[in-house]
Protein backbone atom coordinates (compact mmCIF):
# COMPACT_ATOMS: atom_id res chain seq x y z
CA UNK A 1 44.10 44.12 128.12
CA UNK A 2 42.96 41.38 125.76
CA UNK A 3 39.36 41.26 125.21
CA UNK A 4 38.01 38.14 123.54
CA UNK A 5 34.60 38.15 121.85
CA UNK A 6 32.96 34.76 122.17
CA UNK A 7 29.45 33.05 122.77
CA UNK A 8 28.26 29.90 124.42
CA UNK A 9 28.05 27.89 121.51
CA UNK A 10 31.62 28.28 120.81
CA UNK A 11 32.99 27.50 124.31
CA UNK A 12 34.03 23.87 123.26
CA UNK A 13 34.67 24.38 119.62
CA UNK A 14 36.83 27.51 119.98
CA UNK A 15 37.41 28.87 123.56
CA UNK A 16 38.48 25.67 124.90
CA UNK A 17 41.58 25.59 122.63
CA UNK A 18 42.42 29.28 123.29
CA UNK A 19 42.44 28.49 127.06
CA UNK A 20 44.75 25.59 126.56
CA UNK A 21 47.17 27.68 124.58
CA UNK A 22 47.92 31.41 124.37
CA UNK A 23 45.32 32.49 127.06
CA UNK A 24 47.19 30.56 129.66
CA UNK A 25 50.31 32.55 129.31
CA UNK A 26 48.48 35.92 130.04
CA UNK A 27 45.23 34.80 131.75
CA UNK A 28 45.32 37.52 134.23
CA UNK A 29 44.87 40.49 131.51
CA UNK A 30 42.44 38.33 129.49
CA UNK A 31 38.68 39.28 129.60
CA UNK A 32 35.78 37.93 127.74
CA UNK A 33 32.54 39.43 126.07
CA UNK A 34 30.02 36.76 125.71
CA UNK A 35 26.25 35.68 126.25
CA UNK A 36 26.52 33.47 129.37
CA UNK A 37 28.93 32.45 132.05
CA UNK A 38 31.11 29.66 130.96
CA UNK A 39 30.28 27.15 133.57
CA UNK A 40 32.68 24.45 131.80
CA UNK A 41 35.79 26.51 132.10
CA UNK A 42 36.40 27.26 135.83
CA UNK A 43 39.47 29.24 135.29
CA UNK A 44 37.70 32.24 134.25
CA UNK A 45 37.15 34.83 136.85
CA UNK A 46 33.75 36.40 137.11
CA UNK A 47 34.80 39.91 136.99
CA UNK A 48 36.62 39.17 133.77
CA UNK A 49 33.46 38.67 131.93
CA UNK A 50 31.22 41.13 130.22
CA UNK A 51 27.63 39.83 129.41
CA UNK A 52 25.75 40.68 126.11
CA UNK A 53 22.39 39.30 127.11
CA UNK A 54 20.92 42.65 125.97
CA UNK A 55 22.37 41.94 122.30
CA UNK A 56 20.22 40.57 119.44
CA UNK A 57 20.48 36.63 119.07
CA UNK A 58 21.50 36.84 115.36
CA UNK A 59 25.25 36.35 115.89
CA UNK A 60 26.40 38.15 112.54
CA UNK A 61 23.81 40.62 112.22
CA UNK A 62 25.05 44.20 112.02
CA UNK A 63 23.05 45.31 115.19
CA UNK A 64 24.31 42.04 117.11
CA UNK A 65 27.96 42.65 116.29
CA UNK A 66 27.75 46.25 116.95
CA UNK A 67 26.19 45.67 120.36
CA UNK A 68 28.99 43.14 121.35
CA UNK A 69 31.78 45.55 120.15
CA UNK A 70 30.04 48.26 122.26
CA UNK A 71 30.19 45.88 125.29
CA UNK A 72 33.75 45.46 124.64
CA UNK A 73 34.40 49.11 125.14
CA UNK A 74 32.37 48.99 128.34
CA UNK A 75 34.60 46.26 129.51
CA UNK A 76 37.65 48.28 128.77
CA UNK A 77 36.26 51.37 130.62
CA UNK A 78 35.88 49.34 133.73
CA UNK A 79 39.62 48.53 133.91
CA UNK A 80 40.95 51.67 131.88
CA UNK A 81 43.20 52.59 134.83
CA UNK A 82 45.05 49.31 134.59
CA UNK A 83 45.93 49.12 130.99
CA UNK A 84 47.77 51.29 128.43
CA UNK A 85 46.52 49.09 125.38
CA UNK A 86 43.24 47.44 124.50
CA UNK A 87 43.47 44.47 122.00
CA UNK A 88 40.29 43.12 120.79
CA UNK A 89 40.19 39.48 119.33
CA UNK A 90 37.57 36.87 118.35
CA UNK A 91 37.48 33.32 119.67
CA UNK A 92 39.09 31.99 116.42
CA UNK A 93 42.18 34.05 116.81
CA UNK A 94 45.45 32.66 118.20
CA UNK A 95 47.59 35.36 119.57
CA UNK A 96 51.19 35.40 119.93
CA UNK A 97 51.50 37.50 123.04
CA UNK A 98 55.19 37.70 123.10
CA UNK A 99 55.21 39.23 119.76
CA UNK A 100 52.43 41.50 120.33
CA UNK A 101 54.01 42.82 123.59
CA UNK A 102 57.38 43.36 121.58
CA UNK A 103 55.51 45.27 119.15
CA UNK A 104 53.47 47.49 121.30
CA UNK A 105 56.60 48.16 123.68
CA UNK A 106 57.99 50.31 120.72
CA UNK A 107 55.11 52.58 120.61
CA UNK A 108 53.86 55.22 123.12
CA UNK A 109 50.18 54.49 124.26
CA UNK A 110 49.99 58.33 125.04
CA UNK A 111 49.73 58.76 121.21
CA UNK A 112 46.39 57.75 119.48
CA UNK A 113 47.14 54.53 117.77
CA UNK A 114 44.49 52.42 115.81
CA UNK A 115 46.40 49.20 114.71
CA UNK A 116 45.35 46.36 112.73
CA UNK A 117 45.16 44.67 109.33
CA UNK A 118 43.26 46.54 106.69
CA UNK A 119 40.23 44.59 105.74
CA UNK A 120 40.18 45.43 101.89
CA UNK A 121 43.17 46.19 99.52
CA UNK A 122 41.68 49.68 98.94
CA UNK A 123 40.26 52.26 101.11
CA UNK A 124 36.41 52.40 101.49
CA UNK A 125 35.10 55.19 99.30
CA UNK A 126 32.32 56.82 101.18
CA UNK A 127 30.15 59.25 99.10
CA UNK A 128 27.45 60.18 101.62
CA UNK A 129 27.51 63.20 104.03
CA UNK A 130 28.99 63.82 106.41
CA UNK A 131 32.38 63.04 105.68
CA UNK A 132 32.36 61.97 101.90
CA UNK A 133 35.86 60.59 101.98
CA UNK A 134 37.84 57.53 101.52
CA UNK A 135 39.02 55.85 104.84
CA UNK A 136 40.89 52.58 105.77
CA UNK A 137 39.41 50.40 108.54
CA UNK A 138 41.01 47.35 110.25
CA UNK A 139 39.14 43.94 110.18
CA UNK A 140 38.17 42.94 113.56
CA UNK A 141 38.49 39.24 112.34
CA UNK A 142 42.21 39.59 112.49
CA UNK A 143 42.36 41.49 116.06
CA UNK A 144 42.90 45.26 116.77
CA UNK A 145 44.79 47.20 119.18
CA UNK A 146 44.02 50.76 120.30
CA UNK A 147 45.99 52.84 122.72
CA UNK A 148 44.71 54.37 125.90
CA UNK A 149 45.11 57.83 124.28
CA UNK A 150 42.82 56.89 121.42
CA UNK A 151 40.32 55.26 123.90
CA UNK A 152 40.12 58.33 125.61
CA UNK A 153 39.28 60.32 122.43
CA UNK A 154 36.73 57.55 121.42
CA UNK A 155 35.00 57.72 124.75
CA UNK A 156 32.13 60.05 123.90
CA UNK A 157 31.13 57.33 121.28
CA UNK A 158 31.87 54.11 123.25
CA UNK A 159 30.23 54.62 126.77
CA UNK A 160 26.64 53.73 125.59
CA UNK A 161 25.61 50.44 124.02
CA UNK A 162 22.59 52.35 122.46
CA UNK A 163 24.67 55.31 121.07
CA UNK A 164 27.34 52.87 119.48
CA UNK A 165 24.78 50.50 118.05
CA UNK A 166 22.36 53.21 116.52
CA UNK A 167 25.43 54.69 114.88
CA UNK A 168 26.27 51.46 112.97
CA UNK A 169 22.75 51.24 111.92
CA UNK A 170 22.42 54.80 110.93
CA UNK A 171 25.61 54.67 108.86
CA UNK A 172 24.72 51.02 107.48
CA UNK A 173 28.22 49.95 108.69
CA UNK A 174 29.23 46.76 110.40
CA UNK A 175 31.19 47.31 113.69
CA UNK A 176 34.68 47.28 112.28
CA UNK A 177 33.82 49.67 109.43
CA UNK A 178 31.92 51.98 111.89
CA UNK A 179 34.79 51.96 114.34
CA UNK A 180 37.09 52.95 111.25
CA UNK A 181 34.73 55.61 110.36
CA UNK A 182 34.59 57.13 113.81
CA UNK A 183 38.36 57.09 114.21
CA UNK A 184 39.20 58.41 110.82
CA UNK A 185 36.51 61.01 110.41
CA UNK A 186 35.50 62.22 113.78
CA UNK A 187 39.06 62.07 115.32
CA UNK A 188 41.18 62.27 112.21
CA UNK A 189 43.46 59.43 113.11
CA UNK A 190 44.56 56.93 110.31
CA UNK A 191 44.96 53.29 110.58
CA UNK A 192 48.45 52.01 111.45
CA UNK A 193 48.47 48.82 109.35
CA UNK A 194 49.94 45.72 110.53
CA UNK A 195 50.32 42.71 108.26
CA UNK A 196 51.31 40.44 111.18
CA UNK A 197 47.74 40.29 112.25
CA UNK A 198 45.63 37.60 110.34
CA UNK A 199 42.07 36.42 110.21
CA UNK A 200 40.65 33.00 109.13
CA UNK A 201 39.80 34.31 105.73
CA UNK A 202 43.59 33.99 104.80
CA UNK A 203 43.59 30.37 103.78
CA UNK A 204 46.95 30.79 101.99
CA UNK A 205 48.51 31.41 105.36
CA UNK A 206 48.09 27.93 106.11
CA UNK A 207 49.77 26.64 102.93
CA UNK A 208 52.60 24.26 104.01
CA UNK A 209 55.36 26.01 102.13
CA UNK A 210 54.60 29.30 103.77
CA UNK A 211 53.35 28.38 107.18
CA UNK A 212 56.54 27.25 108.97
CA UNK A 213 58.41 30.05 107.27
CA UNK A 214 56.18 32.85 108.47
CA UNK A 215 54.69 31.46 111.51
CA UNK A 216 57.03 32.73 114.30
CA UNK A 217 56.84 36.30 113.08
CA UNK A 218 53.25 36.78 113.18
CA UNK A 219 51.02 38.34 115.95
CA UNK A 220 47.50 36.78 115.41
CA UNK A 221 46.34 33.68 113.44
CA UNK A 222 42.77 33.10 112.53
CA UNK A 223 41.78 29.43 112.22
CA UNK A 224 38.66 27.34 111.08
CA UNK A 225 37.67 24.36 113.25
CA UNK A 226 39.55 22.22 110.92
CA UNK A 227 42.80 24.01 111.35
CA UNK A 228 42.96 23.84 115.22
CA UNK A 229 45.43 20.77 115.30
CA UNK A 230 47.55 22.72 112.86
CA UNK A 231 47.84 25.87 114.89
CA UNK A 232 47.88 24.03 118.37
CA UNK A 233 50.74 21.64 117.45
CA UNK A 234 53.05 24.09 115.43
CA UNK A 235 52.41 27.46 117.03
CA UNK A 236 52.14 26.46 120.72
CA UNK A 237 53.93 23.26 121.07
CA UNK A 238 56.34 24.83 123.49
């Protein structure tokens, strides 16, 4: 399952381009977490949408992001019988689905895997109780993939919007940090780091001398609005 977190004000600036490119290759397995039905994109099936109308309006507040991520897990649980993997992306991610499938095909989904790009160069040094230990977490901005086994273990923490969101607020962690905290400290599972996942914060990735050399090996690329043409013309021209 590919779960895309988006919002109505990004349908034209972001989602439109994803629909024209990588999503068109795997559309049957793509689902959306958003605040309203995208009436201008008629190819999206109604049952592939998880609405987040109960989430706060502030798009990048802690409670809003955690609420939307909690909805992503509810979306997976609706279709968990169909999928061995759950991969979560933002609407500013381009995904090379061929590379992703090839990577995941070498792993066993019956083993608990937490896969992504570490957000920081060092682990988060948690000092407060419970679990005053360091842990790694993956940035959701680059995309993450979780195996069905891990999702089964996470189920007690991800079947309630209120439970997940209140946990974020209680720990004072944004959604990706809180998810890493749960997986590392409650489930004792560490991050499987993958440097083929990239967020829009990695400006050097788009430098001309590096871009074409590294492009075809990557799994995800994060983009800013002004970079759409670069990604679309180079990454998906075929």
